[in-house]
């Protein structure tokens, strides 16, 4: 199915790394030092990754938006299969999302949280926009500095004695490895679209 223009526009606006700047749970603002503690969200394609800082990662998931609804809706399916149904809006440079509080599965109907709303509002600021996959950004010669083959990292010495070089031109790619060259054409594909 073809996505409506609004969905494509909002999908593009979501892309990148977002950092939480405020959170309100059931009407009570969370008392955190947001400049030191992190809650980040990374939207890439149709994938979302939640990280609350340190070693605690809430994992990846897939998301779907519907900007034609009022308020706009977002559904996130975690790796474990749990679905969170929320709402979102862009407000200036910020992204506001509201999801049910733990223990509730009801999609919030507004961004107002009260003691009996059973909802959590989080406000994010865009930290870093995604890197544009325009091929012009990849032109030139790139040297592989690390690699993993069959789950085993290659030794640093191997990378020095047998370097791999990738050269990208307009639509041609050359791979040099161990004195052997191979050439071919390439194109970038968005696997998440």
C-alpha atoms as a PDB file:
ATOM      1  CA  UNK A   1       0.000   0.000   0.000  1.00  0.00           C
ATOM      2  CA  UNK A   2       1.099   3.554  -0.731  1.00  0.00           C
ATOM      3  CA  UNK A   3       1.626   5.772   2.317  1.00  0.00           C
ATOM      4  CA  UNK A   4      -0.240   9.107   2.345  1.00  0.00           C
ATOM      5  CA  UNK A   5       1.876  12.243   1.882  1.00  0.00           C
ATOM      6  CA  UNK A   6       1.369  13.232   5.562  1.00  0.00           C
ATOM      7  CA  UNK A   7       2.759   9.865   6.695  1.00  0.00           C
ATOM      8  CA  UNK A   8       5.849  10.248   4.508  1.00  0.00           C
ATOM      9  CA  UNK A   9       6.478  13.805   5.759  1.00  0.00           C
ATOM     10  CA  UNK A  10       6.109  12.842   9.446  1.00  0.00           C
ATOM     11  CA  UNK A  11       8.154   9.679   8.920  1.00  0.00           C
ATOM     12  CA  UNK A  12      11.019  11.821   7.572  1.00  0.00           C
ATOM     13  CA  UNK A  13      10.736  14.279  10.487  1.00  0.00           C
ATOM     14  CA  UNK A  14      11.038  11.428  13.017  1.00  0.00           C
ATOM     15  CA  UNK A  15      14.339  10.133  11.616  1.00  0.00           C
ATOM     16  CA  UNK A  16      17.399  10.646  13.830  1.00  0.00           C
ATOM     17  CA  UNK A  17      18.460  10.612  17.493  1.00  0.00           C
ATOM     18  CA  UNK A  18      16.127  12.256  20.013  1.00  0.00           C
ATOM     19  CA  UNK A  19      16.926  13.016  23.685  1.00  0.00           C
ATOM     20  CA  UNK A  20      14.287  13.308  26.395  1.00  0.00           C
ATOM     21  CA  UNK A  21      14.126  16.710  28.067  1.00  0.00           C
ATOM     22  CA  UNK A  22      11.031  16.165  30.248  1.00  0.00           C
ATOM     23  CA  UNK A  23       8.677  13.389  31.320  1.00  0.00           C
ATOM     24  CA  UNK A  24       5.318  13.443  33.083  1.00  0.00           C
ATOM     25  CA  UNK A  25       3.846  10.204  34.452  1.00  0.00           C
ATOM     26  CA  UNK A  26       0.185  10.243  35.519  1.00  0.00           C
ATOM     27  CA  UNK A  27       0.314  14.010  36.043  1.00  0.00           C
ATOM     28  CA  UNK A  28       3.582  14.037  38.035  1.00  0.00           C
ATOM     29  CA  UNK A  29       6.725  15.461  36.451  1.00  0.00           C
ATOM     30  CA  UNK A  30       9.662  13.053  36.743  1.00  0.00           C
ATOM     31  CA  UNK A  31      12.420  14.664  38.808  1.00  0.00           C
ATOM     32  CA  UNK A  32      15.589  13.890  36.849  1.00  0.00           C
ATOM     33  CA  UNK A  33      18.714  15.742  35.890  1.00  0.00           C
ATOM     34  CA  UNK A  34      18.001  15.526  32.150  1.00  0.00           C
ATOM     35  CA  UNK A  35      21.384  17.049  31.289  1.00  0.00           C
ATOM     36  CA  UNK A  36      23.206  14.116  32.939  1.00  0.00           C
ATOM     37  CA  UNK A  37      20.789  11.215  32.668  1.00  0.00           C
ATOM     38  CA  UNK A  38      19.816  10.112  29.223  1.00  0.00           C
ATOM     39  CA  UNK A  39      16.749   8.674  27.634  1.00  0.00           C
ATOM     40  CA  UNK A  40      17.324   8.610  23.910  1.00  0.00           C
ATOM     41  CA  UNK A  41      15.294   7.325  21.035  1.00  0.00           C
ATOM     42  CA  UNK A  42      16.671   6.576  17.600  1.00  0.00           C
ATOM     43  CA  UNK A  43      14.292   6.381  14.647  1.00  0.00           C
ATOM     44  CA  UNK A  44      15.878   4.776  11.585  1.00  0.00           C
ATOM     45  CA  UNK A  45      13.664   3.745   8.715  1.00  0.00           C
ATOM     46  CA  UNK A  46      10.722   2.025  10.401  1.00  0.00           C
ATOM     47  CA  UNK A  47      12.872   0.890  13.345  1.00  0.00           C
ATOM     48  CA  UNK A  48      13.042   2.481  16.785  1.00  0.00           C
ATOM     49  CA  UNK A  49      15.698   1.923  19.459  1.00  0.00           C
ATOM     50  CA  UNK A  50      15.106   3.081  23.048  1.00  0.00           C
ATOM     51  CA  UNK A  51      18.089   3.601  25.360  1.00  0.00           C
ATOM     52  CA  UNK A  52      17.811   4.908  28.915  1.00  0.00           C
ATOM     53  CA  UNK A  53      21.544   5.365  29.371  1.00  0.00           C
ATOM     54  CA  UNK A  54      24.406   3.296  30.669  1.00  0.00           C
ATOM     55  CA  UNK A  55      24.135  -0.387  29.858  1.00  0.00           C
ATOM     56  CA  UNK A  56      20.347  -0.464  29.990  1.00  0.00           C
ATOM     57  CA  UNK A  57      18.893  -0.651  26.512  1.00  0.00           C
ATOM     58  CA  UNK A  58      15.157  -1.092  26.102  1.00  0.00           C
ATOM     59  CA  UNK A  59      15.730  -2.704  22.735  1.00  0.00           C
ATOM     60  CA  UNK A  60      14.655  -2.280  19.176  1.00  0.00           C
ATOM     61  CA  UNK A  61      11.224  -2.356  17.718  1.00  0.00           C
ATOM     62  CA  UNK A  62       9.265  -1.449  14.632  1.00  0.00           C
ATOM     63  CA  UNK A  63       6.932   1.516  14.550  1.00  0.00           C
ATOM     64  CA  UNK A  64       4.008   2.673  12.467  1.00  0.00           C
ATOM     65  CA  UNK A  65       2.448   6.138  12.433  1.00  0.00           C
ATOM     66  CA  UNK A  66      -0.901   7.504  11.318  1.00  0.00           C
ATOM     67  CA  UNK A  67      -0.758  11.301  10.996  1.00  0.00           C
ATOM     68  CA  UNK A  68      -4.288  11.470   9.570  1.00  0.00           C
ATOM     69  CA  UNK A  69      -5.818  10.742  12.992  1.00  0.00           C
ATOM     70  CA  UNK A  70      -6.407  13.377  15.649  1.00  0.00           C
ATOM     71  CA  UNK A  71      -4.267  13.195  17.662  1.00  0.00           C
ATOM     72  CA  UNK A  72      -1.659  11.539  15.419  1.00  0.00           C
ATOM     73  CA  UNK A  73      -0.989   7.929  16.437  1.00  0.00           C
ATOM     74  CA  UNK A  74       2.149   5.823  16.772  1.00  0.00           C
ATOM     75  CA  UNK A  75       2.278   2.072  17.396  1.00  0.00           C
ATOM     76  CA  UNK A  76       5.514   0.402  18.480  1.00  0.00           C
ATOM     77  CA  UNK A  77       6.030  -3.377  18.438  1.00  0.00           C
ATOM     78  CA  UNK A  78       8.992  -4.442  20.586  1.00  0.00           C
ATOM     79  CA  UNK A  79      11.320  -7.328  19.770  1.00  0.00           C
ATOM     80  CA  UNK A  80       9.377  -9.332  22.356  1.00  0.00           C
ATOM     81  CA  UNK A  81       6.110  -8.702  20.492  1.00  0.00           C
ATOM     82  CA  UNK A  82       4.590  -6.222  22.954  1.00  0.00           C
ATOM     83  CA  UNK A  83       2.673  -3.419  21.248  1.00  0.00           C
ATOM     84  CA  UNK A  84       2.513   0.094  22.709  1.00  0.00           C
ATOM     85  CA  UNK A  85      -0.163   2.360  21.294  1.00  0.00           C
ATOM     86  CA  UNK A  86       0.518   6.057  21.679  1.00  0.00           C
ATOM     87  CA  UNK A  87       0.073   9.493  20.216  1.00  0.00           C
ATOM     88  CA  UNK A  88       2.648  11.996  18.971  1.00  0.00           C
ATOM     89  CA  UNK A  89       3.026  15.555  17.766  1.00  0.00           C
ATOM     90  CA  UNK A  90       5.771  17.889  16.679  1.00  0.00           C
ATOM     91  CA  UNK A  91       5.860  21.125  18.621  1.00  0.00           C
ATOM     92  CA  UNK A  92       8.481  23.488  17.216  1.00  0.00           C
ATOM     93  CA  UNK A  93      11.819  21.673  17.560  1.00  0.00           C
ATOM     94  CA  UNK A  94      10.369  19.116  19.973  1.00  0.00           C
ATOM     95  CA  UNK A  95       8.668  15.766  19.639  1.00  0.00           C
ATOM     96  CA  UNK A  96       5.971  14.950  22.198  1.00  0.00           C
ATOM     97  CA  UNK A  97       4.898  11.325  22.614  1.00  0.00           C
ATOM     98  CA  UNK A  98       2.345   9.970  25.030  1.00  0.00           C
ATOM     99  CA  UNK A  99       1.970   6.272  25.820  1.00  0.00           C
ATOM    100  CA  UNK A 100      -0.015   4.327  28.387  1.00  0.00           C
ATOM    101  CA  UNK A 101       1.666   4.040  31.783  1.00  0.00           C
ATOM    102  CA  UNK A 102       2.788   0.538  32.818  1.00  0.00           C
ATOM    103  CA  UNK A 103      -0.235  -1.609  33.527  1.00  0.00           C
ATOM    104  CA  UNK A 104      -2.481   0.097  30.973  1.00  0.00           C
ATOM    105  CA  UNK A 105      -2.956  -0.758  27.299  1.00  0.00           C
ATOM    106  CA  UNK A 106      -5.325   2.089  26.396  1.00  0.00           C
ATOM    107  CA  UNK A 107      -4.051   4.567  23.800  1.00  0.00           C
ATOM    108  CA  UNK A 108      -4.028   8.079  25.335  1.00  0.00           C
ATOM    109  CA  UNK A 109      -6.569  10.450  23.802  1.00  0.00           C
ATOM    110  CA  UNK A 110      -4.677  13.657  24.678  1.00  0.00           C
ATOM    111  CA  UNK A 111      -1.263  14.873  25.790  1.00  0.00           C
ATOM    112  CA  UNK A 112      -2.633  15.964  29.158  1.00  0.00           C
ATOM    113  CA  UNK A 113      -1.595  13.605  31.933  1.00  0.00           C
ATOM    114  CA  UNK A 114      -3.462  13.561  35.235  1.00  0.00           C
ATOM    115  CA  UNK A 115      -3.304  11.228  38.240  1.00  0.00           C
ATOM    116  CA  UNK A 116      -6.069   9.082  36.748  1.00  0.00           C
ATOM    117  CA  UNK A 117      -4.980   9.299  33.063  1.00  0.00           C
ATOM    118  CA  UNK A 118      -2.664   6.262  33.203  1.00  0.00           C
ATOM    119  CA  UNK A 119      -0.434   7.926  30.621  1.00  0.00           C
ATOM    120  CA  UNK A 120       3.189   8.993  30.279  1.00  0.00           C
ATOM    121  CA  UNK A 121       4.163  12.081  28.282  1.00  0.00           C
ATOM    122  CA  UNK A 122       7.790  12.399  27.151  1.00  0.00           C
ATOM    123  CA  UNK A 123       9.206  15.436  25.383  1.00  0.00           C
ATOM    124  CA  UNK A 124      12.226  14.948  23.122  1.00  0.00           C
ATOM    125  CA  UNK A 125      14.633  17.287  21.341  1.00  0.00           C
ATOM    126  CA  UNK A 126      16.400  16.218  18.148  1.00  0.00           C
ATOM    127  CA  UNK A 127      20.058  15.533  18.930  1.00  0.00           C
ATOM    128  CA  UNK A 128      21.273  14.427  15.554  1.00  0.00           C
ATOM    129  CA  UNK A 129      19.534  14.091  12.240  1.00  0.00           C
ATOM    130  CA  UNK A 130      20.207  10.863  10.338  1.00  0.00           C
ATOM    131  CA  UNK A 131      23.024  10.693   7.855  1.00  0.00           C
ATOM    132  CA  UNK A 132      21.790  11.239   4.345  1.00  0.00           C
ATOM    133  CA  UNK A 133      22.323   8.117   2.206  1.00  0.00           C
ATOM    134  CA  UNK A 134      23.027  10.264  -0.828  1.00  0.00           C
ATOM    135  CA  UNK A 135      25.828   8.450  -2.724  1.00  0.00           C
ATOM    136  CA  UNK A 136      27.833  11.697  -3.009  1.00  0.00           C
ATOM    137  CA  UNK A 137      28.602  11.378   0.735  1.00  0.00           C
ATOM    138  CA  UNK A 138      30.330   8.036   0.113  1.00  0.00           C
ATOM    139  CA  UNK A 139      32.476   9.005  -2.882  1.00  0.00           C
ATOM    140  CA  UNK A 140      36.173   8.411  -2.360  1.00  0.00           C
ATOM    141  CA  UNK A 141      38.298   5.603  -0.956  1.00  0.00           C
ATOM    142  CA  UNK A 142      37.444   3.944   2.343  1.00  0.00           C
ATOM    143  CA  UNK A 143      39.674   1.555   4.288  1.00  0.00           C
ATOM    144  CA  UNK A 144      38.143  -1.202   6.397  1.00  0.00           C
ATOM    145  CA  UNK A 145      39.431  -0.806   9.967  1.00  0.00           C
ATOM    146  CA  UNK A 146      37.610  -3.745  11.551  1.00  0.00           C
ATOM    147  CA  UNK A 147      35.460  -6.653  10.473  1.00  0.00           C
ATOM    148  CA  UNK A 148      33.688  -9.694  11.830  1.00  0.00           C
ATOM    149  CA  UNK A 149      33.663 -12.942   9.848  1.00  0.00           C
ATOM    150  CA  UNK A 150      31.358 -15.762  10.965  1.00  0.00           C
ATOM    151  CA  UNK A 151      30.951 -14.041  14.335  1.00  0.00           C
ATOM    152  CA  UNK A 152      34.722 -13.758  14.961  1.00  0.00           C
ATOM    153  CA  UNK A 153      36.427 -10.342  14.955  1.00  0.00           C
ATOM    154  CA  UNK A 154      39.509 -10.111  12.710  1.00  0.00           C
ATOM    155  CA  UNK A 155      42.832  -9.368  14.371  1.00  0.00           C
ATOM    156  CA  UNK A 156      44.188  -5.806  14.092  1.00  0.00           C
ATOM    157  CA  UNK A 157      47.422  -7.134  12.534  1.00  0.00           C
ATOM    158  CA  UNK A 158      45.416  -8.791   9.762  1.00  0.00           C
ATOM    159  CA  UNK A 159      43.774  -5.459   8.946  1.00  0.00           C
ATOM    160  CA  UNK A 160      47.229  -3.861   8.572  1.00  0.00           C
ATOM    161  CA  UNK A 161      48.891  -6.627   6.537  1.00  0.00           C
ATOM    162  CA  UNK A 162      45.884  -7.317   4.305  1.00  0.00           C
ATOM    163  CA  UNK A 163      43.954  -4.029   4.076  1.00  0.00           C
ATOM    164  CA  UNK A 164      40.657  -3.820   2.227  1.00  0.00           C
ATOM    165  CA  UNK A 165      39.923  -0.634   0.300  1.00  0.00           C
ATOM    166  CA  UNK A 166      36.547   0.358  -1.142  1.00  0.00           C
ATOM    167  CA  UNK A 167      36.470   3.137  -3.731  1.00  0.00           C
ATOM    168  CA  UNK A 168      33.101   4.650  -4.654  1.00  0.00           C
ATOM    169  CA  UNK A 169      32.733   6.764  -7.788  1.00  0.00           C
ATOM    170  CA  UNK A 170      29.527   8.043  -9.407  1.00  0.00           C
ATOM    171  CA  UNK A 171      27.999   4.556  -9.789  1.00  0.00           C
ATOM    172  CA  UNK A 172      31.064   2.308  -9.779  1.00  0.00           C
ATOM    173  CA  UNK A 173      32.673   0.557  -6.821  1.00  0.00           C
ATOM    174  CA  UNK A 174      36.166  -0.959  -6.732  1.00  0.00           C
ATOM    175  CA  UNK A 175      37.283  -3.323  -3.968  1.00  0.00           C
ATOM    176  CA  UNK A 176      41.012  -3.834  -3.421  1.00  0.00           C
ATOM    177  CA  UNK A 177      42.075  -6.672  -1.154  1.00  0.00           C
ATOM    178  CA  UNK A 178      45.397  -8.486  -1.087  1.00  0.00           C
ATOM    179  CA  UNK A 179      46.522  -6.971  -4.385  1.00  0.00           C
ATOM    180  CA  UNK A 180      43.370  -8.097  -6.206  1.00  0.00           C
ATOM    181  CA  UNK A 181      40.798  -5.675  -7.574  1.00  0.00           C
ATOM    182  CA  UNK A 182      37.172  -6.281  -8.381  1.00  0.00           C
ATOM    183  CA  UNK A 183      34.739  -3.776  -9.830  1.00  0.00           C
ATOM    184  CA  UNK A 184      31.006  -3.476 -10.059  1.00  0.00           C
ATOM    185  CA  UNK A 185      28.119  -1.075  -9.922  1.00  0.00           C
ATOM    186  CA  UNK A 186      26.283  -0.253  -6.707  1.00  0.00           C
ATOM    187  CA  UNK A 187      23.164   1.461  -5.433  1.00  0.00           C
ATOM    188  CA  UNK A 188      21.900   2.298  -1.957  1.00  0.00           C
ATOM    189  CA  UNK A 189      18.732   0.581  -0.815  1.00  0.00           C
ATOM    190  CA  UNK A 190      16.625   1.520   2.210  1.00  0.00           C
ATOM    191  CA  UNK A 191      15.977  -1.895   3.754  1.00  0.00           C
ATOM    192  CA  UNK A 192      13.608  -0.360   6.314  1.00  0.00           C
ATOM    193  CA  UNK A 193      11.212   1.270   3.901  1.00  0.00           C
END
